């Protein structure tokens, strides 16, 4: 996975983050920890949604980014997260016919499963089925 270095600095009582190698990606947080989480999310969104017509080169190493940091600024490595990238994957609403009894069974199955709804369940089932077919052939 690609790693970018973010420059973290205090501004107006919060921590802001800029990425010299991805200039359109900027974010902030109230604490350094929150700023890191926001930076991971912002970088993940960029990786999935694109760079808005901008072409970026490969991210540079720590020493080059550190040389751009000003006094009091911190440099941390930031990598996109698979979970965050999944949330940004484009989705499309479609109509699908499912027998009522099957849909009821899915609903029962999902009742006590946090973080899983019918859409995610059906997407997981489709992914699993496609993967099995790829492995079988």
N, C-alpha and C. Protein backbone atom coordinates (compact mmCIF):
# COMPACT_ATOMS: atom_id res chain seq x y z
N UNK A 1 0.85 -1.18 0.00
CA UNK A 1 0.00 0.00 0.00
C UNK A 1 0.89 1.23 0.00
N UNK A 2 0.46 2.25 -0.68
CA UNK A 2 1.23 3.49 -0.79
C UNK A 2 1.22 4.24 0.54
N UNK A 3 2.34 4.90 0.83
CA UNK A 3 2.46 5.67 2.06
C UNK A 3 2.82 7.12 1.70
N UNK A 4 2.05 8.03 2.23
CA UNK A 4 2.33 9.45 2.08
C UNK A 4 2.77 9.98 3.44
N UNK A 5 3.55 11.04 3.43
CA UNK A 5 3.91 11.70 4.68
C UNK A 5 3.10 12.98 4.79
N UNK A 6 2.45 13.13 5.92
CA UNK A 6 1.67 14.32 6.18
C UNK A 6 2.42 15.23 7.12
N UNK A 7 2.26 16.51 6.91
CA UNK A 7 2.84 17.51 7.80
C UNK A 7 1.72 18.00 8.71
N UNK A 8 1.90 17.82 9.99
CA UNK A 8 0.90 18.17 11.02
C UNK A 8 1.35 19.45 11.73
N UNK A 9 0.43 20.39 11.85
CA UNK A 9 0.78 21.65 12.50
C UNK A 9 -0.44 22.21 13.22
N UNK A 10 -0.16 22.96 14.28
CA UNK A 10 -1.25 23.57 15.05
C UNK A 10 -1.67 24.88 14.41
N UNK A 11 -3.01 25.04 14.36
CA UNK A 11 -3.56 26.24 13.76
C UNK A 11 -4.95 26.47 14.37
N UNK A 12 -5.15 27.63 14.93
CA UNK A 12 -6.44 27.97 15.52
C UNK A 12 -6.92 26.93 16.54
N UNK A 13 -6.02 26.43 17.36
CA UNK A 13 -6.37 25.50 18.43
C UNK A 13 -6.63 24.07 17.98
N UNK A 14 -6.33 23.75 16.75
CA UNK A 14 -6.50 22.36 16.29
C UNK A 14 -5.27 21.96 15.47
N UNK A 15 -5.21 20.69 15.14
CA UNK A 15 -4.11 20.17 14.35
C UNK A 15 -4.55 20.04 12.89
N UNK A 16 -3.86 20.74 12.01
CA UNK A 16 -4.13 20.66 10.58
C UNK A 16 -3.10 19.74 9.93
N UNK A 17 -3.48 19.18 8.79
CA UNK A 17 -2.60 18.26 8.07
C UNK A 17 -2.57 18.64 6.60
N UNK A 18 -1.39 18.68 6.05
CA UNK A 18 -1.24 18.87 4.61
C UNK A 18 -0.31 17.79 4.08
N UNK A 19 -0.53 17.42 2.84
CA UNK A 19 0.29 16.40 2.18
C UNK A 19 1.01 17.06 1.01
N UNK A 20 2.31 17.33 1.13
CA UNK A 20 3.03 17.98 0.03
C UNK A 20 2.95 17.20 -1.28
N UNK A 21 2.85 15.88 -1.22
CA UNK A 21 2.79 15.08 -2.44
C UNK A 21 1.36 14.83 -2.93
N UNK A 22 0.38 15.34 -2.22
CA UNK A 22 -1.03 15.27 -2.62
C UNK A 22 -1.67 16.59 -2.20
N UNK A 23 -1.36 17.67 -2.92
CA UNK A 23 -1.74 19.01 -2.47
C UNK A 23 -3.24 19.24 -2.29
N UNK A 24 -4.09 18.47 -2.92
CA UNK A 24 -5.53 18.70 -2.76
C UNK A 24 -6.09 18.03 -1.51
N UNK A 25 -5.25 17.28 -0.79
CA UNK A 25 -5.70 16.56 0.40
C UNK A 25 -5.25 17.34 1.64
N UNK A 26 -6.22 17.89 2.33
CA UNK A 26 -5.98 18.64 3.57
C UNK A 26 -7.08 18.27 4.55
N UNK A 27 -6.74 18.24 5.82
CA UNK A 27 -7.74 17.92 6.83
C UNK A 27 -7.27 18.44 8.17
N UNK A 28 -8.05 18.16 9.22
CA UNK A 28 -7.65 18.62 10.55
C UNK A 28 -8.38 17.81 11.61
N UNK A 29 -7.95 17.99 12.85
CA UNK A 29 -8.60 17.35 13.99
C UNK A 29 -8.29 18.15 15.24
N UNK A 30 -9.09 17.92 16.27
CA UNK A 30 -8.89 18.67 17.52
C UNK A 30 -7.63 18.23 18.26
N UNK A 31 -7.25 16.95 18.09
CA UNK A 31 -6.03 16.41 18.70
C UNK A 31 -5.17 15.81 17.60
N UNK A 32 -3.93 15.50 17.93
CA UNK A 32 -3.06 14.85 16.94
C UNK A 32 -3.65 13.51 16.53
N UNK A 33 -4.15 12.73 17.50
CA UNK A 33 -4.75 11.43 17.17
C UNK A 33 -5.93 11.58 16.22
N UNK A 34 -6.79 12.55 16.49
CA UNK A 34 -7.93 12.76 15.61
C UNK A 34 -7.47 13.23 14.23
N UNK A 35 -6.44 14.07 14.19
CA UNK A 35 -5.91 14.54 12.91
C UNK A 35 -5.33 13.37 12.11
N UNK A 36 -4.68 12.43 12.77
CA UNK A 36 -4.16 11.25 12.08
C UNK A 36 -5.31 10.43 11.49
N UNK A 37 -6.37 10.22 12.28
CA UNK A 37 -7.54 9.49 11.77
C UNK A 37 -8.15 10.19 10.57
N UNK A 38 -8.28 11.51 10.66
CA UNK A 38 -8.84 12.27 9.56
C UNK A 38 -7.94 12.23 8.33
N UNK A 39 -6.61 12.22 8.55
CA UNK A 39 -5.67 12.15 7.44
C UNK A 39 -5.78 10.81 6.73
N UNK A 40 -5.92 9.73 7.49
CA UNK A 40 -6.10 8.40 6.89
C UNK A 40 -7.37 8.38 6.05
N UNK A 41 -8.44 8.95 6.59
CA UNK A 41 -9.72 8.99 5.88
C UNK A 41 -9.60 9.83 4.60
N UNK A 42 -8.99 10.99 4.68
CA UNK A 42 -8.86 11.87 3.52
C UNK A 42 -8.01 11.22 2.44
N UNK A 43 -6.93 10.60 2.84
CA UNK A 43 -6.05 9.94 1.87
C UNK A 43 -6.77 8.74 1.24
N UNK A 44 -7.54 8.02 2.04
CA UNK A 44 -8.31 6.87 1.52
C UNK A 44 -9.32 7.34 0.48
N UNK A 45 -10.00 8.44 0.77
CA UNK A 45 -10.98 8.98 -0.18
C UNK A 45 -10.30 9.36 -1.49
N UNK A 46 -9.12 9.98 -1.41
CA UNK A 46 -8.41 10.37 -2.62
C UNK A 46 -8.05 9.15 -3.46
N UNK A 47 -7.64 8.08 -2.79
CA UNK A 47 -7.22 6.88 -3.52
C UNK A 47 -8.40 6.24 -4.27
N UNK A 48 -9.60 6.34 -3.71
CA UNK A 48 -10.77 5.72 -4.34
C UNK A 48 -11.44 6.67 -5.33
N UNK A 49 -11.63 7.91 -4.93
CA UNK A 49 -12.42 8.84 -5.74
C UNK A 49 -11.60 9.57 -6.79
N UNK A 50 -10.31 9.48 -6.69
CA UNK A 50 -9.46 10.13 -7.68
C UNK A 50 -8.85 11.40 -7.16
N UNK A 51 -8.12 11.99 -8.02
CA UNK A 51 -7.33 13.15 -7.63
C UNK A 51 -7.82 14.43 -8.28
N UNK A 52 -9.08 14.43 -8.68
CA UNK A 52 -9.72 15.61 -9.24
C UNK A 52 -8.93 16.21 -10.39
N UNK A 53 -8.48 15.36 -11.30
CA UNK A 53 -7.77 15.83 -12.48
C UNK A 53 -6.31 16.18 -12.26
N UNK A 54 -5.85 16.05 -11.04
CA UNK A 54 -4.45 16.36 -10.75
C UNK A 54 -3.61 15.09 -10.90
N UNK A 55 -2.46 15.26 -11.44
CA UNK A 55 -1.52 14.14 -11.53
C UNK A 55 -0.46 14.33 -10.45
N UNK A 56 -0.29 13.33 -9.64
CA UNK A 56 0.72 13.37 -8.59
C UNK A 56 1.80 12.34 -8.93
N UNK A 57 3.01 12.69 -8.58
CA UNK A 57 4.09 11.72 -8.72
C UNK A 57 4.04 10.75 -7.55
N UNK A 58 4.98 9.83 -7.54
CA UNK A 58 5.07 8.91 -6.42
C UNK A 58 5.40 9.70 -5.15
N UNK A 59 4.86 9.26 -4.02
CA UNK A 59 5.17 9.98 -2.78
C UNK A 59 6.66 9.89 -2.45
N UNK A 60 7.18 10.99 -1.93
CA UNK A 60 8.59 11.04 -1.59
C UNK A 60 8.84 10.47 -0.20
N UNK A 61 10.08 10.32 0.13
CA UNK A 61 10.49 9.77 1.41
C UNK A 61 10.41 10.78 2.55
N UNK A 62 10.61 10.26 3.75
CA UNK A 62 10.50 11.05 4.97
C UNK A 62 11.45 12.26 4.96
N UNK A 63 12.71 12.06 4.59
CA UNK A 63 13.69 13.14 4.66
C UNK A 63 13.30 14.33 3.80
N UNK A 64 12.78 14.06 2.59
CA UNK A 64 12.38 15.15 1.71
C UNK A 64 11.19 15.93 2.28
N UNK A 65 10.23 15.21 2.84
CA UNK A 65 9.06 15.88 3.42
C UNK A 65 9.46 16.63 4.69
N UNK A 66 10.30 16.02 5.51
CA UNK A 66 10.77 16.67 6.73
C UNK A 66 11.49 17.98 6.41
N UNK A 67 12.22 18.01 5.30
CA UNK A 67 12.92 19.23 4.90
C UNK A 67 11.95 20.37 4.57
N UNK A 68 10.71 20.03 4.18
CA UNK A 68 9.70 21.05 3.88
C UNK A 68 8.96 21.54 5.13
N UNK A 69 9.02 20.75 6.21
CA UNK A 69 8.31 21.11 7.43
C UNK A 69 8.98 22.30 8.11
N UNK A 70 8.16 23.15 8.68
CA UNK A 70 8.66 24.32 9.40
C UNK A 70 8.86 23.96 10.87
N UNK A 71 9.48 24.85 11.61
CA UNK A 71 9.68 24.63 13.04
C UNK A 71 8.34 24.36 13.72
N UNK A 72 8.31 23.35 14.57
CA UNK A 72 7.10 23.02 15.31
C UNK A 72 6.14 22.12 14.57
N UNK A 73 6.40 21.85 13.30
CA UNK A 73 5.54 20.94 12.54
C UNK A 73 6.05 19.51 12.66
N UNK A 74 5.12 18.58 12.68
CA UNK A 74 5.45 17.17 12.82
C UNK A 74 5.19 16.45 11.51
N UNK A 75 5.97 15.44 11.23
CA UNK A 75 5.80 14.65 10.02
C UNK A 75 5.51 13.20 10.42
N UNK A 76 4.37 12.69 9.94
CA UNK A 76 3.97 11.31 10.22
C UNK A 76 3.64 10.59 8.92
N UNK A 77 3.96 9.29 8.86
CA UNK A 77 3.53 8.52 7.69
C UNK A 77 2.02 8.25 7.79
N UNK A 78 1.35 8.33 6.65
CA UNK A 78 -0.09 8.07 6.60
C UNK A 78 -0.35 7.13 5.43
N UNK A 79 -1.07 6.06 5.73
CA UNK A 79 -1.43 5.09 4.68
C UNK A 79 -2.95 5.00 4.59
N UNK A 80 -3.48 4.86 3.38
CA UNK A 80 -4.93 4.68 3.27
C UNK A 80 -5.34 3.38 3.96
N UNK A 81 -6.56 3.33 4.45
CA UNK A 81 -7.08 2.16 5.15
C UNK A 81 -8.12 1.47 4.28
N UNK A 82 -8.04 0.15 4.20
CA UNK A 82 -8.98 -0.63 3.40
C UNK A 82 -10.43 -0.36 3.82
N UNK A 83 -10.69 -0.29 5.12
CA UNK A 83 -12.04 -0.06 5.61
C UNK A 83 -12.56 1.30 5.14
N UNK A 84 -11.73 2.32 5.24
CA UNK A 84 -12.14 3.65 4.80
C UNK A 84 -12.31 3.68 3.28
N UNK A 85 -11.43 3.00 2.57
CA UNK A 85 -11.54 2.98 1.11
C UNK A 85 -12.83 2.29 0.68
N UNK A 86 -13.22 1.24 1.39
CA UNK A 86 -14.46 0.55 1.08
C UNK A 86 -15.66 1.49 1.21
N UNK A 87 -15.63 2.33 2.22
CA UNK A 87 -16.74 3.26 2.44
C UNK A 87 -16.87 4.26 1.29
N UNK A 88 -15.77 4.55 0.59
CA UNK A 88 -15.79 5.52 -0.51
C UNK A 88 -16.01 4.89 -1.88
N UNK A 89 -16.04 3.55 -1.95
CA UNK A 89 -16.28 2.91 -3.25
C UNK A 89 -17.62 3.39 -3.80
N UNK A 90 -17.66 3.81 -5.05
CA UNK A 90 -18.94 4.24 -5.62
C UNK A 90 -19.97 3.12 -5.57
N UNK A 91 -21.19 3.51 -5.29
CA UNK A 91 -22.29 2.56 -5.19
C UNK A 91 -23.41 3.01 -6.11
N UNK A 92 -24.24 2.05 -6.51
CA UNK A 92 -25.37 2.36 -7.38
C UNK A 92 -26.59 1.63 -6.86
N UNK A 93 -27.66 2.37 -6.72
CA UNK A 93 -28.92 1.78 -6.27
C UNK A 93 -29.56 1.07 -7.46
N UNK A 94 -29.98 -0.19 -7.23
CA UNK A 94 -30.66 -0.96 -8.26
C UNK A 94 -31.90 -1.62 -7.66
N UNK A 95 -32.78 -2.05 -8.51
CA UNK A 95 -33.94 -2.83 -8.06
C UNK A 95 -33.66 -4.30 -8.31
N UNK A 96 -33.84 -5.10 -7.30
CA UNK A 96 -33.61 -6.53 -7.39
C UNK A 96 -34.83 -7.24 -6.82
N UNK A 97 -35.28 -8.26 -7.52
CA UNK A 97 -36.43 -9.05 -7.04
C UNK A 97 -35.90 -10.20 -6.20
N UNK A 98 -36.33 -10.26 -4.94
CA UNK A 98 -35.92 -11.33 -4.02
C UNK A 98 -37.20 -11.89 -3.41
N UNK A 99 -37.33 -13.21 -3.39
CA UNK A 99 -38.53 -13.79 -2.76
C UNK A 99 -38.66 -13.30 -1.31
N UNK A 100 -39.89 -13.01 -0.90
CA UNK A 100 -40.16 -12.45 0.42
C UNK A 100 -39.62 -13.35 1.53
N UNK A 101 -39.81 -14.66 1.40
CA UNK A 101 -39.34 -15.55 2.46
C UNK A 101 -37.81 -15.52 2.58
N UNK A 102 -37.12 -15.38 1.47
CA UNK A 102 -35.66 -15.30 1.50
C UNK A 102 -35.23 -13.97 2.16
N UNK A 103 -35.91 -12.90 1.81
CA UNK A 103 -35.61 -11.61 2.42
C UNK A 103 -35.88 -11.64 3.92
N UNK A 104 -36.94 -12.32 4.34
CA UNK A 104 -37.23 -12.48 5.77
C UNK A 104 -36.11 -13.24 6.47
N UNK A 105 -35.59 -14.27 5.83
CA UNK A 105 -34.49 -15.05 6.42
C UNK A 105 -33.23 -14.20 6.56
N UNK A 106 -32.98 -13.37 5.56
CA UNK A 106 -31.83 -12.46 5.64
C UNK A 106 -32.03 -11.49 6.80
N UNK A 107 -33.22 -10.94 6.93
CA UNK A 107 -33.52 -10.02 8.03
C UNK A 107 -33.31 -10.66 9.39
N UNK A 108 -33.75 -11.89 9.55
CA UNK A 108 -33.55 -12.63 10.81
C UNK A 108 -32.07 -12.84 11.08
N UNK A 109 -31.34 -13.22 10.05
CA UNK A 109 -29.91 -13.47 10.18
C UNK A 109 -29.18 -12.20 10.62
N UNK A 110 -29.61 -11.04 10.14
CA UNK A 110 -28.91 -9.78 10.40
C UNK A 110 -29.32 -9.08 11.69
N UNK A 111 -30.37 -9.56 12.34
CA UNK A 111 -30.91 -8.86 13.52
C UNK A 111 -29.85 -8.48 14.54
N UNK A 112 -28.98 -9.36 14.90
CA UNK A 112 -28.00 -9.11 15.98
C UNK A 112 -26.58 -8.97 15.45
N UNK A 113 -26.45 -8.59 14.21
CA UNK A 113 -25.12 -8.43 13.63
C UNK A 113 -24.87 -6.95 13.36
N UNK A 114 -24.06 -6.35 14.22
CA UNK A 114 -23.76 -4.92 14.08
C UNK A 114 -22.86 -4.69 12.88
N UNK A 115 -23.08 -3.57 12.21
CA UNK A 115 -22.24 -3.20 11.08
C UNK A 115 -22.56 -3.92 9.80
N UNK A 116 -23.63 -4.71 9.79
CA UNK A 116 -23.99 -5.45 8.59
C UNK A 116 -25.47 -5.23 8.31
N UNK A 117 -25.75 -4.69 7.14
CA UNK A 117 -27.14 -4.50 6.73
C UNK A 117 -27.40 -5.35 5.49
N UNK A 118 -28.61 -5.28 4.96
CA UNK A 118 -28.96 -6.13 3.82
C UNK A 118 -28.06 -5.86 2.62
N UNK A 119 -27.78 -4.60 2.35
CA UNK A 119 -26.94 -4.27 1.19
C UNK A 119 -25.55 -4.87 1.34
N UNK A 120 -24.95 -4.69 2.51
CA UNK A 120 -23.61 -5.24 2.73
C UNK A 120 -23.64 -6.76 2.68
N UNK A 121 -24.67 -7.36 3.26
CA UNK A 121 -24.81 -8.81 3.25
C UNK A 121 -24.89 -9.33 1.81
N UNK A 122 -25.73 -8.71 1.00
CA UNK A 122 -25.88 -9.15 -0.39
C UNK A 122 -24.59 -8.92 -1.17
N UNK A 123 -23.93 -7.79 -0.97
CA UNK A 123 -22.64 -7.54 -1.64
C UNK A 123 -21.62 -8.60 -1.25
N UNK A 124 -21.55 -8.93 0.05
CA UNK A 124 -20.62 -9.98 0.51
C UNK A 124 -20.93 -11.31 -0.14
N UNK A 125 -22.23 -11.65 -0.24
CA UNK A 125 -22.63 -12.92 -0.86
C UNK A 125 -22.23 -12.95 -2.33
N UNK A 126 -22.44 -11.86 -3.04
CA UNK A 126 -22.08 -11.79 -4.46
C UNK A 126 -20.56 -11.92 -4.61
N UNK A 127 -19.81 -11.18 -3.79
CA UNK A 127 -18.33 -11.26 -3.85
C UNK A 127 -17.86 -12.69 -3.60
N UNK A 128 -18.44 -13.33 -2.60
CA UNK A 128 -18.08 -14.72 -2.26
C UNK A 128 -18.39 -15.65 -3.42
N UNK A 129 -19.56 -15.51 -3.99
CA UNK A 129 -19.95 -16.37 -5.11
C UNK A 129 -19.02 -16.16 -6.31
N UNK A 130 -18.71 -14.90 -6.63
CA UNK A 130 -17.82 -14.63 -7.74
C UNK A 130 -16.43 -15.19 -7.48
N UNK A 131 -15.94 -15.05 -6.26
CA UNK A 131 -14.62 -15.58 -5.92
C UNK A 131 -14.58 -17.09 -6.06
N UNK A 132 -15.62 -17.78 -5.62
CA UNK A 132 -15.69 -19.23 -5.75
C UNK A 132 -15.67 -19.65 -7.21
N UNK A 133 -16.36 -18.89 -8.07
CA UNK A 133 -16.37 -19.21 -9.49
C UNK A 133 -15.01 -18.99 -10.13
N UNK A 134 -14.29 -17.94 -9.70
CA UNK A 134 -12.95 -17.67 -10.22
C UNK A 134 -12.01 -18.79 -9.82
N UNK A 135 -12.10 -19.23 -8.56
CA UNK A 135 -11.24 -20.30 -8.08
C UNK A 135 -11.55 -21.64 -8.73
N UNK A 136 -12.82 -21.85 -9.09
CA UNK A 136 -13.25 -23.12 -9.70
C UNK A 136 -12.78 -23.22 -11.16
N UNK A 137 -12.56 -22.09 -11.79
CA UNK A 137 -12.17 -22.11 -13.21
C UNK A 137 -10.73 -21.87 -13.32
